[in-house]
Amino acid sequence: MRYIVRRGGEIVTAKGGSATGTKGHATALITEEFDGMVTTDALYNLVPPKRINPYYLLFLFKQPIILNQVNMFTKGTLYKLIQRNDFEKKSKFQDWKVVWKNK
């Protein structure tokens, strides 16, 4: 599955890999330079509500407490993966009304 990313606050974050839930966890804010590009289903595409600054959400994704939460819900030893349900519900992002573009 492929997804088109849009600037204006969309964030992409890795759902799997050996660095998932560590300080090497890949998360990025989509800027004008990458507007309209296609991503793979290896990333979760998140659109924060207007009341949440996307730079703040990006900042949170880089914090050890959030990375530890992500790591806590990953499954696998060599290739760690976090399921969307775990990522969304157990990390409390559902309380923020974040839009998940991935089904």
C-alpha atoms as a PDB file:
ATOM      1  CA  MET A   1       0.000   0.000   0.000  1.00  0.00           C
ATOM      2  CA  ARG A   2       1.208   3.533  -0.732  1.00  0.00           C
ATOM      3  CA  TYR A   3       0.216   6.839   0.819  1.00  0.00           C
ATOM      4  CA  ILE A   4       0.595  10.390  -0.439  1.00  0.00           C
ATOM      5  CA  VAL A   5       1.943  12.769   2.175  1.00  0.00           C
ATOM      6  CA  ARG A   6       0.909  16.408   2.497  1.00  0.00           C
ATOM      7  CA  ARG A   7       2.662  19.334   4.090  1.00  0.00           C
ATOM      8  CA  GLY A   8       0.903  21.299   6.755  1.00  0.00           C
ATOM      9  CA  GLY A   9       1.486  19.143   9.775  1.00  0.00           C
ATOM     10  CA  GLU A  10       1.526  15.552   8.601  1.00  0.00           C
ATOM     11  CA  ILE A  11       4.038  13.400  10.439  1.00  0.00           C
ATOM     12  CA  VAL A  12       5.415  10.051   9.329  1.00  0.00           C
ATOM     13  CA  THR A  13       6.907   7.602  11.796  1.00  0.00           C
ATOM     14  CA  ALA A  14       8.370   4.126  11.432  1.00  0.00           C
ATOM     15  CA  LYS A  15       6.243   1.188  12.473  1.00  0.00           C
ATOM     16  CA  GLY A  16       8.991  -1.393  12.348  1.00  0.00           C
ATOM     17  CA  GLY A  17      12.724  -1.992  12.299  1.00  0.00           C
ATOM     18  CA  SER A  18      15.562  -2.651  14.685  1.00  0.00           C
ATOM     19  CA  ALA A  19      15.587   1.009  15.819  1.00  0.00           C
ATOM     20  CA  THR A  20      11.840   1.197  16.553  1.00  0.00           C
ATOM     21  CA  GLY A  21      11.326   2.613  20.024  1.00  0.00           C
ATOM     22  CA  THR A  22      14.971   3.681  20.411  1.00  0.00           C
ATOM     23  CA  LYS A  23      16.702   7.037  19.948  1.00  0.00           C
ATOM     24  CA  GLY A  24      17.255   6.020  16.307  1.00  0.00           C
ATOM     25  CA  HIS A  25      13.493   5.726  15.697  1.00  0.00           C
ATOM     26  CA  ALA A  26      12.630   7.489  12.430  1.00  0.00           C
ATOM     27  CA  THR A  27      10.017  10.269  12.630  1.00  0.00           C
ATOM     28  CA  ALA A  28       9.708  13.300  10.349  1.00  0.00           C
ATOM     29  CA  LEU A  29       7.464  16.278   9.692  1.00  0.00           C
ATOM     30  CA  ILE A  30       6.407  16.654   6.069  1.00  0.00           C
ATOM     31  CA  THR A  31       7.531  20.005   4.693  1.00  0.00           C
ATOM     32  CA  GLU A  32       6.763  21.719   1.393  1.00  0.00           C
ATOM     33  CA  GLU A  33       9.754  19.996  -0.198  1.00  0.00           C
ATOM     34  CA  PHE A  34       8.109  16.578   0.269  1.00  0.00           C
ATOM     35  CA  ASP A  35       4.482  17.582  -0.319  1.00  0.00           C
ATOM     36  CA  GLY A  36       2.747  15.064  -2.575  1.00  0.00           C
ATOM     37  CA  MET A  37       5.416  12.364  -2.290  1.00  0.00           C
ATOM     38  CA  VAL A  38       4.513   8.722  -1.860  1.00  0.00           C
ATOM     39  CA  THR A  39       5.430   6.705   1.234  1.00  0.00           C
ATOM     40  CA  THR A  40       5.208   2.995   1.892  1.00  0.00           C
ATOM     41  CA  ASP A  41       3.164   1.102   4.407  1.00  0.00           C
ATOM     42  CA  ALA A  42       6.327   0.834   6.542  1.00  0.00           C
ATOM     43  CA  LEU A  43       5.389   4.230   8.013  1.00  0.00           C
ATOM     44  CA  TYR A  44       2.441   5.471   9.995  1.00  0.00           C
ATOM     45  CA  ASN A  45       1.064   8.739   8.623  1.00  0.00           C
ATOM     46  CA  LEU A  46      -0.342  10.971  11.366  1.00  0.00           C
ATOM     47  CA  VAL A  47      -2.210  14.239  10.993  1.00  0.00           C
ATOM     48  CA  PRO A  48      -2.499  16.097  14.304  1.00  0.00           C
ATOM     49  CA  PRO A  49      -5.590  18.221  14.888  1.00  0.00           C
ATOM     50  CA  LYS A  50      -5.222  21.964  14.297  1.00  0.00           C
ATOM     51  CA  ARG A  51      -4.978  22.633  18.042  1.00  0.00           C
ATOM     52  CA  ILE A  52      -1.729  20.629  18.286  1.00  0.00           C
ATOM     53  CA  ASN A  53       1.390  22.160  16.816  1.00  0.00           C
ATOM     54  CA  PRO A  54       2.995  19.508  14.561  1.00  0.00           C
ATOM     55  CA  TYR A  55       6.466  20.592  15.704  1.00  0.00           C
ATOM     56  CA  TYR A  56       5.402  19.820  19.275  1.00  0.00           C
ATOM     57  CA  LEU A  57       4.246  16.357  18.219  1.00  0.00           C
ATOM     58  CA  LEU A  58       7.544  15.812  16.389  1.00  0.00           C
ATOM     59  CA  PHE A  59       9.385  16.941  19.536  1.00  0.00           C
ATOM     60  CA  LEU A  60       7.418  14.422  21.605  1.00  0.00           C
ATOM     61  CA  PHE A  61       8.306  11.583  19.242  1.00  0.00           C
ATOM     62  CA  LYS A  62      11.983  12.290  19.955  1.00  0.00           C
ATOM     63  CA  GLN A  63      11.627  12.167  23.750  1.00  0.00           C
ATOM     64  CA  PRO A  64      12.858   9.130  25.719  1.00  0.00           C
ATOM     65  CA  ILE A  65       9.561   8.750  27.583  1.00  0.00           C
ATOM     66  CA  ILE A  66       7.604   8.416  24.307  1.00  0.00           C
ATOM     67  CA  LEU A  67      10.259   6.186  22.730  1.00  0.00           C
ATOM     68  CA  ASN A  68      10.117   3.942  25.812  1.00  0.00           C
ATOM     69  CA  GLN A  69       6.337   3.720  25.408  1.00  0.00           C
ATOM     70  CA  VAL A  70       6.723   2.777  21.753  1.00  0.00           C
ATOM     71  CA  ASN A  71       9.400   0.214  22.638  1.00  0.00           C
ATOM     72  CA  MET A  72       7.196  -1.257  25.350  1.00  0.00           C
ATOM     73  CA  PHE A  73       4.519  -2.175  22.795  1.00  0.00           C
ATOM     74  CA  THR A  74       6.757  -3.481  20.012  1.00  0.00           C
ATOM     75  CA  LYS A  75       6.800  -7.168  19.188  1.00  0.00           C
ATOM     76  CA  GLY A  76       9.725  -9.147  17.804  1.00  0.00           C
ATOM     77  CA  THR A  77      13.383  -9.528  18.662  1.00  0.00           C
ATOM     78  CA  LEU A  78      15.385  -8.898  15.492  1.00  0.00           C
ATOM     79  CA  TYR A  79      12.754  -6.882  13.625  1.00  0.00           C
ATOM     80  CA  LYS A  80      10.590  -4.979  16.072  1.00  0.00           C
ATOM     81  CA  LEU A  81       7.125  -3.908  14.959  1.00  0.00           C
ATOM     82  CA  ILE A  82       4.429  -1.876  16.648  1.00  0.00           C
ATOM     83  CA  GLN A  83       0.849  -2.542  15.616  1.00  0.00           C
ATOM     84  CA  ARG A  84      -1.337   0.456  14.890  1.00  0.00           C
ATOM     85  CA  ASN A  85      -3.832  -0.563  17.574  1.00  0.00           C
ATOM     86  CA  ASP A  86      -1.079  -0.641  20.202  1.00  0.00           C
ATOM     87  CA  PHE A  87       0.472   2.579  18.949  1.00  0.00           C
ATOM     88  CA  GLU A  88      -2.829   4.440  18.886  1.00  0.00           C
ATOM     89  CA  LYS A  89      -4.636   3.217  21.971  1.00  0.00           C
ATOM     90  CA  LYS A  90      -1.907   2.325  24.424  1.00  0.00           C
ATOM     91  CA  SER A  91       0.153   5.439  23.748  1.00  0.00           C
ATOM     92  CA  LYS A  92      -2.896   7.669  24.356  1.00  0.00           C
ATOM     93  CA  PHE A  93      -2.747   9.371  20.949  1.00  0.00           C
ATOM     94  CA  GLN A  94      -6.441   8.580  20.557  1.00  0.00           C
ATOM     95  CA  ASP A  95      -7.098  11.193  23.267  1.00  0.00           C
ATOM     96  CA  TRP A  96      -5.526  13.823  21.009  1.00  0.00           C
ATOM     97  CA  LYS A  97      -7.828  13.010  18.057  1.00  0.00           C
ATOM     98  CA  VAL A  98      -4.867  12.313  15.770  1.00  0.00           C
ATOM     99  CA  VAL A  99      -5.984  11.238  12.278  1.00  0.00           C
ATOM    100  CA  TRP A 100      -4.384   7.982  11.129  1.00  0.00           C
ATOM    101  CA  LYS A 101      -4.234   7.821   7.350  1.00  0.00           C
ATOM    102  CA  ASN A 102      -3.165   4.162   7.364  1.00  0.00           C
ATOM    103  CA  LYS A 103      -5.954   1.617   7.633  1.00  0.00           C
END
